C-alpha atoms as a PDB file:
ATOM      1  CA  MET A   1      81.463 103.560 127.772  1.00  0.00           C
ATOM      2  CA  GLN A   2      78.603 105.574 129.226  1.00  0.00           C
ATOM      3  CA  ILE A   3      75.788 106.682 126.929  1.00  0.00           C
ATOM      4  CA  HIS A   4      74.116 109.979 127.779  1.00  0.00           C
ATOM      5  CA  PRO A   5      70.457 110.323 126.811  1.00  0.00           C
ATOM      6  CA  ASP A   6      69.312 113.292 124.774  1.00  0.00           C
ATOM      7  CA  PRO A   7      68.443 116.313 126.898  1.00  0.00           C
ATOM      8  CA  PRO A   8      64.721 116.697 127.590  1.00  0.00           C
ATOM      9  CA  ASP A   9      62.701 118.650 125.048  1.00  0.00           C
ATOM     10  CA  ARG A  10      61.943 122.205 126.159  1.00  0.00           C
ATOM     11  CA  ILE A  11      58.408 123.568 125.987  1.00  0.00           C
ATOM     12  CA  LEU A  12      58.040 126.925 124.244  1.00  0.00           C
ATOM     13  CA  ARG A  13      55.283 129.415 124.988  1.00  0.00           C
ATOM     14  CA  ILE A  14      53.406 131.202 122.221  1.00  0.00           C
ATOM     15  CA  LYS A  15      55.426 134.438 122.312  1.00  0.00           C
ATOM     16  CA  THR A  16      58.638 132.480 121.752  1.00  0.00           C
ATOM     17  CA  VAL A  17      57.064 130.394 118.977  1.00  0.00           C
ATOM     18  CA  LEU A  18      55.794 133.519 117.212  1.00  0.00           C
ATOM     19  CA  ALA A  19      59.201 135.194 117.513  1.00  0.00           C
ATOM     20  CA  ARG A  20      61.065 132.144 116.157  1.00  0.00           C
ATOM     21  CA  THR A  21      58.685 131.460 113.269  1.00  0.00           C
ATOM     22  CA  GLY A  22      57.778 135.008 112.271  1.00  0.00           C
ATOM     23  CA  LEU A  23      54.111 133.975 112.086  1.00  0.00           C
ATOM     24  CA  THR A  24      51.209 135.973 113.456  1.00  0.00           C
ATOM     25  CA  ARG A  25      49.026 134.359 116.111  1.00  0.00           C
ATOM     26  CA  SER A  26      46.100 133.936 113.691  1.00  0.00           C
ATOM     27  CA  THR A  27      48.323 132.388 110.993  1.00  0.00           C
ATOM     28  CA  LEU A  28      49.831 129.979 113.524  1.00  0.00           C
ATOM     29  CA  TYR A  29      46.393 128.743 114.633  1.00  0.00           C
ATOM     30  CA  ARG A  30      45.159 128.574 111.026  1.00  0.00           C
ATOM     31  CA  LYS A  31      48.172 126.401 110.111  1.00  0.00           C
ATOM     32  CA  MET A  32      47.551 124.189 113.164  1.00  0.00           C
ATOM     33  CA  ALA A  33      43.927 123.695 112.080  1.00  0.00           C
ATOM     34  CA  ALA A  34      45.099 122.811 108.560  1.00  0.00           C
ATOM     35  CA  GLY A  35      47.617 120.305 109.955  1.00  0.00           C
ATOM     36  CA  THR A  36      50.642 122.154 108.570  1.00  0.00           C
ATOM     37  CA  PHE A  37      52.055 123.290 111.913  1.00  0.00           C
ATOM     38  CA  PRO A  38      52.830 121.244 115.048  1.00  0.00           C
ATOM     39  CA  LYS A  39      49.989 120.969 117.548  1.00  0.00           C
ATOM     40  CA  ASN A  40      50.386 122.558 120.939  1.00  0.00           C
ATOM     41  CA  MET A  41      50.194 120.616 124.182  1.00  0.00           C
ATOM     42  CA  ARG A  42      48.649 121.387 127.559  1.00  0.00           C
ATOM     43  CA  ILE A  43      51.200 122.384 130.196  1.00  0.00           C
ATOM     44  CA  SER A  44      48.675 123.167 132.926  1.00  0.00           C
ATOM     45  CA  THR A  45      44.996 124.076 133.233  1.00  0.00           C
ATOM     46  CA  ARG A  46      45.301 127.387 131.382  1.00  0.00           C
ATOM     47  CA  CYS A  47      48.703 127.035 129.749  1.00  0.00           C
ATOM     48  CA  MET A  48      49.680 125.597 126.360  1.00  0.00           C
ATOM     49  CA  GLY A  49      53.065 125.207 124.714  1.00  0.00           C
ATOM     50  CA  TRP A  50      54.941 123.597 121.837  1.00  0.00           C
ATOM     51  CA  ARG A  51      57.831 121.138 121.890  1.00  0.00           C
ATOM     52  CA  GLU A  52      61.025 122.921 120.855  1.00  0.00           C
ATOM     53  CA  SER A  53      62.004 119.953 118.664  1.00  0.00           C
ATOM     54  CA  ALA A  54      58.711 120.138 116.745  1.00  0.00           C
ATOM     55  CA  ILE A  55      59.190 123.870 116.085  1.00  0.00           C
ATOM     56  CA  ALA A  56      62.799 123.291 114.997  1.00  0.00           C
ATOM     57  CA  ALA A  57      61.681 120.524 112.608  1.00  0.00           C
ATOM     58  CA  TRP A  58      58.980 122.779 111.158  1.00  0.00           C
ATOM     59  CA  LEU A  59      61.509 125.581 110.676  1.00  0.00           C
ATOM     60  CA  ASP A  60      63.782 123.144 108.805  1.00  0.00           C
ATOM     61  CA  ASN A  61      60.981 122.298 106.370  1.00  0.00           C
ATOM     62  CA  PRO A  62      57.861 124.506 106.750  1.00  0.00           C
ATOM     63  CA  MET A  63      56.376 123.422 103.406  1.00  0.00           C
ATOM     64  CA  HIS A  64      55.750 119.859 104.578  1.00  0.00           C
ATOM     65  CA  GLY A  65      54.132 120.787 107.874  1.00  0.00           C
ATOM     66  CA  SER A  66      53.587 118.293 110.655  1.00  0.00           C
ATOM     67  CA  PRO A  67      50.245 116.565 110.126  1.00  0.00           C
ATOM     68  CA  ASN A  68      51.339 113.603 112.270  1.00  0.00           C
ATOM     69  CA  GLN A  69      51.894 115.717 115.390  1.00  0.00           C
ATOM     70  CA  VAL A  70      49.154 115.280 117.961  1.00  0.00           C
ATOM     71  CA  SER A  71      48.394 117.312 121.037  1.00  0.00           C
ATOM     72  CA  ASP A  72      48.982 115.755 124.450  1.00  0.00           C
END
């Protein structure tokens, strides 16, 4: 039997994150600073993004936040 690994996690840009969460940009960054929203990660020199799995987990339970998420 062959086991297939999980597909790689997609990286979402801010416009997609805002559309999926319904948050404003300022609220998103305020929640990140408070530790109640997943941290973003650097994609390139001037580009940041969020792991799709982290956003999905936050959407499943936004009240608990994600204080253990760290930026890469």
